[in-house]
């Protein structure tokens, strides 16, 4: 009872200090929801701009580096609320997968093994990151798709202010704004080729990021309306499984692979850019 008595005033104090954050979040939701989805047909595919894009853009616009309606303390408080905010969505994924359990079971071990495919992107992303001039940020940026669990992992392993955590956060933000548009278009284009089975496309949509999965499912449902329910069920199951085993893939395979590639490639690729050569000279003089 004593602990509860102390918790209540501190909760009220926190709400009182962060009221502007909650008010702006509510306004962003109203604005984004009123705009809704914008679908732009492009050849056989579709660009879909989701409401989350507008909300993220408004959040960046009001941040400490632009209009400065929110300071760094409020931004840090908002990042801690992300996990709480997505819990209802995670519960919805589980309900959707459970309602179509027979379809999920028929997919067999493919749902569990698909996470190995996500590791293949490291081999492409790491060299590109180094060519762009990233240093240790490249490890955090390329080890995974960088959603909420990966942000927490980077902060736990390397520290909240580390280059690795900054790289992970950068991809998280870009993925939320640009990734939703790209992912939906890519999914619709893949479906239009007729090469992949709708079930495979549904499983591929669940990469561990809810907003990206929603974008892909919406696009696939437009192109393959007869399989809309099955695609949604498999995407939900894939999303849940990716969120569980993806973190272990990152710990035991993804991050060690990134560290190994960084040691092998950075001495060569890291010197190609002008900034890389400058940093190398500075390190040599120390």
Protein backbone atom coordinates (compact mmCIF):
# COMPACT_ATOMS: atom_id res chain seq x y z
CA UNK A 1 0.00 0.00 0.00
CA UNK A 2 2.88 2.31 0.79
CA UNK A 3 4.47 1.77 -2.62
CA UNK A 4 1.15 2.38 -4.36
CA UNK A 5 0.76 5.63 -2.43
CA UNK A 6 4.09 6.89 -3.74
CA UNK A 7 3.48 5.73 -7.31
CA UNK A 8 0.24 7.65 -7.73
CA UNK A 9 1.66 11.18 -7.18
CA UNK A 10 4.67 10.41 -9.42
CA UNK A 11 2.32 9.26 -12.20
CA UNK A 12 0.33 12.48 -11.94
CA UNK A 13 3.55 14.49 -11.95
CA UNK A 14 4.71 12.73 -15.09
CA UNK A 15 1.41 13.32 -16.87
CA UNK A 16 1.53 16.97 -15.80
CA UNK A 17 5.03 17.37 -17.21
CA UNK A 18 4.30 15.58 -20.47
CA UNK A 19 0.78 16.81 -21.25
CA UNK A 20 1.97 18.59 -24.39
CA UNK A 21 3.34 15.30 -25.72
CA UNK A 22 0.00 13.50 -25.28
CA UNK A 23 -1.97 16.41 -26.74
CA UNK A 24 0.19 16.61 -29.87
CA UNK A 25 0.04 12.82 -30.32
CA UNK A 26 -3.76 12.97 -30.18
CA UNK A 27 -3.85 15.82 -32.71
CA UNK A 28 -1.49 13.96 -35.04
CA UNK A 29 -3.76 10.91 -34.91
CA UNK A 30 -6.82 13.00 -35.77
CA UNK A 31 -5.04 14.69 -38.68
CA UNK A 32 -3.56 11.46 -40.04
CA UNK A 33 -6.85 9.57 -39.74
CA UNK A 34 -8.77 12.35 -41.47
CA UNK A 35 -6.39 12.19 -44.46
CA UNK A 36 -6.48 8.38 -44.61
CA UNK A 37 -4.70 6.22 -47.17
CA UNK A 38 -3.60 7.63 -50.49
CA UNK A 39 -3.24 5.03 -53.27
CA UNK A 40 -1.27 5.88 -56.40
CA UNK A 41 -1.38 3.22 -59.17
CA UNK A 42 1.98 2.75 -60.90
CA UNK A 43 1.98 0.22 -63.74
CA UNK A 44 0.92 -3.09 -62.10
CA UNK A 45 1.81 -1.92 -58.61
CA UNK A 46 0.42 0.60 -56.15
CA UNK A 47 2.08 3.23 -53.99
CA UNK A 48 0.16 3.37 -50.71
CA UNK A 49 0.79 6.27 -48.32
CA UNK A 50 -0.48 5.30 -44.87
CA UNK A 51 -1.65 7.64 -42.09
CA UNK A 52 1.42 6.75 -40.04
CA UNK A 53 3.51 8.60 -42.63
CA UNK A 54 1.69 11.86 -41.87
CA UNK A 55 1.92 11.28 -38.12
CA UNK A 56 5.67 10.64 -38.27
CA UNK A 57 6.20 13.67 -40.48
CA UNK A 58 4.28 15.88 -38.04
CA UNK A 59 6.32 14.43 -35.18
CA UNK A 60 9.59 15.30 -36.93
CA UNK A 61 8.25 18.75 -37.77
CA UNK A 62 7.46 19.57 -34.13
CA UNK A 63 10.72 18.10 -32.77
CA UNK A 64 13.66 19.93 -31.18
CA UNK A 65 15.48 20.34 -34.51
CA UNK A 66 12.63 22.06 -36.38
CA UNK A 67 9.70 23.94 -34.80
CA UNK A 68 10.96 23.03 -31.28
CA UNK A 69 7.50 22.47 -29.82
CA UNK A 70 8.99 19.46 -28.04
CA UNK A 71 12.40 19.36 -26.35
CA UNK A 72 14.83 16.44 -26.11
CA UNK A 73 13.34 15.33 -22.78
CA UNK A 74 9.87 14.99 -24.31
CA UNK A 75 11.30 13.11 -27.30
CA UNK A 76 13.04 10.66 -24.97
CA UNK A 77 9.79 10.17 -23.03
CA UNK A 78 7.88 9.52 -26.27
CA UNK A 79 10.32 6.80 -27.33
CA UNK A 80 9.59 4.92 -24.11
CA UNK A 81 5.87 4.89 -24.88
CA UNK A 82 6.26 3.19 -28.27
CA UNK A 83 6.26 -0.31 -26.81
CA UNK A 84 3.07 0.35 -24.83
CA UNK A 85 1.30 1.88 -27.82
CA UNK A 86 1.87 -1.11 -30.12
CA UNK A 87 0.62 -3.76 -27.64
CA UNK A 88 -3.01 -3.64 -28.90
CA UNK A 89 -1.72 -4.13 -32.44
CA UNK A 90 0.36 -7.14 -31.37
CA UNK A 91 -2.73 -8.65 -29.70
CA UNK A 92 -4.70 -8.13 -32.92
CA UNK A 93 -2.02 -10.01 -34.88
CA UNK A 94 -2.29 -12.98 -32.54
CA UNK A 95 -6.10 -13.06 -32.79
CA UNK A 96 -5.96 -12.89 -36.57
CA UNK A 97 -3.42 -15.72 -36.78
CA UNK A 98 -5.40 -17.87 -34.33
CA UNK A 99 -8.60 -17.46 -36.33
CA UNK A 100 -6.83 -18.91 -39.39
CA UNK A 101 -4.75 -21.52 -37.59
CA UNK A 102 -5.23 -24.20 -40.26
CA UNK A 103 -3.68 -21.95 -42.91
CA UNK A 104 -0.76 -21.14 -40.62
CA UNK A 105 -0.09 -24.82 -39.85
CA UNK A 106 -0.19 -25.71 -43.55
CA UNK A 107 2.75 -23.37 -44.14
CA UNK A 108 4.95 -25.80 -42.19
CA UNK A 109 8.51 -24.93 -41.13
CA UNK A 110 8.76 -22.15 -43.72
CA UNK A 111 7.51 -19.62 -41.15
CA UNK A 112 10.35 -20.51 -38.78
CA UNK A 113 13.09 -20.74 -41.41
CA UNK A 114 12.25 -17.52 -43.24
CA UNK A 115 14.22 -15.46 -40.72
CA UNK A 116 17.44 -16.80 -42.25
CA UNK A 117 16.47 -14.98 -45.44
CA UNK A 118 16.45 -11.66 -43.61
CA UNK A 119 20.10 -12.17 -42.68
CA UNK A 120 21.05 -12.15 -46.36
CA UNK A 121 20.35 -8.42 -46.58
CA UNK A 122 23.33 -7.78 -44.29
CA UNK A 123 25.70 -8.86 -47.07
CA UNK A 124 24.29 -6.13 -49.32
CA UNK A 125 23.55 -3.43 -46.75
CA UNK A 126 26.91 -3.38 -44.93
CA UNK A 127 29.05 -2.52 -47.99
CA UNK A 128 26.54 0.15 -49.05
CA UNK A 129 26.53 1.69 -45.56
CA UNK A 130 30.33 1.86 -45.51
CA UNK A 131 30.42 3.40 -48.98
CA UNK A 132 28.00 6.06 -47.72
CA UNK A 133 30.48 6.98 -45.00
CA UNK A 134 28.95 5.27 -41.95
CA UNK A 135 31.31 3.84 -39.36
CA UNK A 136 30.10 1.84 -36.35
CA UNK A 137 26.62 3.19 -37.11
CA UNK A 138 26.59 0.67 -39.96
CA UNK A 139 26.43 -2.24 -37.50
CA UNK A 140 23.26 -0.93 -35.88
CA UNK A 141 21.74 0.12 -39.20
CA UNK A 142 22.27 -3.14 -41.10
CA UNK A 143 21.98 -5.96 -38.54
CA UNK A 144 18.20 -6.22 -38.98
CA UNK A 145 15.09 -4.37 -40.11
CA UNK A 146 15.44 -2.27 -36.93
CA UNK A 147 12.08 -2.13 -35.26
CA UNK A 148 11.23 -1.61 -31.59
CA UNK A 149 12.89 -4.77 -30.25
CA UNK A 150 16.06 -4.07 -32.22
CA UNK A 151 16.27 -0.54 -30.88
CA UNK A 152 16.09 -1.91 -27.35
CA UNK A 153 18.70 -4.55 -28.18
CA UNK A 154 21.18 -2.01 -29.56
CA UNK A 155 20.77 0.23 -26.53
CA UNK A 156 21.22 -2.72 -24.18
CA UNK A 157 24.32 -4.09 -25.92
CA UNK A 158 26.13 -0.88 -26.90
CA UNK A 159 24.49 1.92 -24.90
CA UNK A 160 21.79 4.48 -25.72
CA UNK A 161 24.29 7.08 -26.98
CA UNK A 162 26.44 4.64 -28.97
CA UNK A 163 26.96 4.91 -32.75
CA UNK A 164 25.34 1.48 -33.10
CA UNK A 165 22.16 2.67 -31.37
CA UNK A 166 22.11 5.84 -33.49
CA UNK A 167 22.38 3.78 -36.66
CA UNK A 168 19.51 1.56 -35.56
CA UNK A 169 17.33 4.57 -34.68
CA UNK A 170 17.99 6.19 -38.06
CA UNK A 171 16.78 3.13 -39.96
CA UNK A 172 13.78 2.87 -37.62
CA UNK A 173 12.67 6.41 -38.49
CA UNK A 174 13.33 6.10 -42.21
CA UNK A 175 11.57 2.72 -42.27
CA UNK A 176 8.47 4.22 -40.70
CA UNK A 177 8.25 7.10 -43.17
CA UNK A 178 9.64 5.78 -46.45
CA UNK A 179 9.57 2.02 -45.82
CA UNK A 180 5.79 1.79 -45.70
CA UNK A 181 5.48 3.30 -49.17
CA UNK A 182 8.30 1.21 -50.64
CA UNK A 183 7.23 -2.04 -48.99
CA UNK A 184 3.66 -1.83 -50.25
CA UNK A 185 4.77 -1.03 -53.77
CA UNK A 186 7.35 -3.84 -53.76
CA UNK A 187 4.74 -6.35 -52.56
CA UNK A 188 2.22 -5.38 -55.23
CA UNK A 189 4.87 -5.57 -57.95
CA UNK A 190 5.96 -9.03 -56.74
CA UNK A 191 2.34 -10.20 -56.83
CA UNK A 192 1.84 -8.80 -60.32
CA UNK A 193 4.66 -10.97 -61.72
CA UNK A 194 2.70 -14.17 -60.92
CA UNK A 195 5.95 -15.92 -59.92
CA UNK A 196 5.19 -16.21 -56.20
CA UNK A 197 2.30 -18.01 -54.54
CA UNK A 198 -0.01 -15.73 -52.54
CA UNK A 199 0.84 -17.69 -49.38
CA UNK A 200 4.55 -17.02 -49.90
CA UNK A 201 3.85 -13.32 -50.38
CA UNK A 202 1.79 -13.29 -47.18
CA UNK A 203 4.60 -14.90 -45.19
CA UNK A 204 7.15 -12.52 -46.68
CA UNK A 205 5.07 -9.57 -45.45
CA UNK A 206 5.71 -10.40 -41.79
CA UNK A 207 9.27 -9.17 -41.38
CA UNK A 208 9.02 -7.99 -37.79
CA UNK A 209 7.62 -4.50 -38.42
CA UNK A 210 3.89 -3.99 -37.99
CA UNK A 211 3.61 -0.91 -40.19
CA UNK A 212 5.54 -2.55 -43.03
CA UNK A 213 3.39 -5.66 -42.75
CA UNK A 214 0.22 -3.59 -42.89
CA UNK A 215 1.47 -1.81 -45.99
CA UNK A 216 2.30 -5.07 -47.77
CA UNK A 217 -0.98 -6.77 -46.79
CA UNK A 218 -3.04 -3.82 -47.98
CA UNK A 219 -1.24 -3.78 -51.32
CA UNK A 220 -1.49 -7.56 -51.78
CA UNK A 221 -5.18 -7.53 -50.92
CA UNK A 222 -5.71 -5.03 -53.75
CA UNK A 223 -3.88 -7.22 -56.29
CA UNK A 224 -5.08 -10.63 -54.97
CA UNK A 225 -8.50 -10.01 -53.37
CA UNK A 226 -9.45 -13.73 -53.47
CA UNK A 227 -6.58 -14.53 -51.08
CA UNK A 228 -6.96 -11.48 -48.82
CA UNK A 229 -7.90 -13.44 -45.66
CA UNK A 230 -5.15 -16.06 -46.12
CA UNK A 231 -2.53 -13.40 -46.82
CA UNK A 232 -3.52 -11.47 -43.71
CA UNK A 233 -3.43 -14.63 -41.54
CA UNK A 234 -0.03 -15.76 -42.77
CA UNK A 235 1.38 -12.25 -42.51
CA UNK A 236 0.15 -11.97 -38.92
CA UNK A 237 1.65 -15.33 -37.96
CA UNK A 238 4.89 -14.49 -39.73
CA UNK A 239 5.01 -11.13 -38.01
CA UNK A 240 4.58 -12.70 -34.57
CA UNK A 241 7.21 -15.39 -35.19
CA UNK A 242 9.66 -12.88 -36.68
CA UNK A 243 9.31 -10.74 -33.59
CA UNK A 244 10.15 -13.72 -31.37
CA UNK A 245 12.95 -15.51 -33.19
CA UNK A 246 14.25 -12.38 -34.95
CA UNK A 247 15.76 -11.03 -31.74
CA UNK A 248 17.72 -14.24 -31.20
CA UNK A 249 18.83 -14.25 -34.82
CA UNK A 250 20.15 -10.74 -34.30
CA UNK A 251 21.99 -11.60 -31.07
CA UNK A 252 23.63 -14.84 -32.18
CA UNK A 253 24.04 -14.35 -35.95
CA UNK A 254 23.13 -10.86 -37.22
CA UNK A 255 25.28 -8.69 -34.97
CA UNK A 256 28.33 -11.04 -35.00
CA UNK A 257 28.10 -11.16 -38.80
CA UNK A 258 27.92 -7.35 -38.98
CA UNK A 259 30.93 -7.00 -36.67
CA UNK A 260 32.92 -9.49 -38.79
CA UNK A 261 32.01 -7.75 -42.06
CA UNK A 262 32.83 -4.37 -40.55
CA UNK A 263 36.32 -5.52 -39.55
CA UNK A 264 36.91 -6.99 -43.02
CA UNK A 265 35.40 -4.26 -45.20
CA UNK A 266 35.85 -0.99 -43.31
CA UNK A 267 39.63 -0.69 -43.86
CA UNK A 268 38.96 -0.68 -47.62
CA UNK A 269 35.44 0.67 -48.23
CA UNK A 270 35.62 3.09 -45.32
CA UNK A 271 38.48 4.97 -47.00
CA UNK A 272 36.72 5.53 -50.31
CA UNK A 273 34.76 8.58 -49.15
CA UNK A 274 36.47 11.86 -48.39
CA UNK A 275 35.21 11.80 -44.80
CA UNK A 276 36.51 8.26 -44.38
CA UNK A 277 40.01 9.24 -45.51
CA UNK A 278 39.95 12.23 -43.17
CA UNK A 279 38.90 10.09 -40.20
CA UNK A 280 41.63 7.54 -41.03
CA UNK A 281 44.28 10.27 -41.04
CA UNK A 282 43.05 11.65 -37.73
CA UNK A 283 43.12 8.18 -36.18
CA UNK A 284 46.64 7.60 -37.46
CA UNK A 285 47.91 10.81 -35.83
CA UNK A 286 46.49 9.94 -32.42
